[in-house]
């Protein structure tokens, strides 16, 4: 019996077979990132966080925007007029873990990270990051320049940049 010849096989296919770090080889298209981000915004907040970091999900369960009012999705949190700072902070930490364990494309995790920081600045007039203004402006500008985010998200990032100016 002859050995299979893998020399002509696409490296991406091989890396997936061996569960190597293929993320560096994956180049997400803008329409794919847009679809993933849109899906994420509609996803159950606690369930998604629990899949990546159960400890954070437990903390999130304790957060309420207003007694009796629930924040069911990431979109609910990002569009709430006065979202709880604890919930924003949990999602910020979720983004860090999601990027580490590759549960989200890095660009999507980073845009969500910038979004929760921006929501805290714009809607709560609070800072939930230790990053200095210059670094934060650079990150938010990058997130706002993604051509796959919607106009409301772009407006959020513009509002955050205005707060930092």
Foldseek 3Di string as FASTA:
>chain_A
DDDDDCPPPDVLVVCVVVVHPCLVVDDDDLVRLLVVLVVQQVAFPLVLLCVQPVVLSVQLVPFDQDVPHDQGGNVSQLPDLRHDPSNLLSLLVSLVSCPVVVVDRNLSSLLSNLSSQLCCCQRVVDGNDPDDLVVNLVSLVVSLPRPSDDPVSVVSSVSSNVSSD
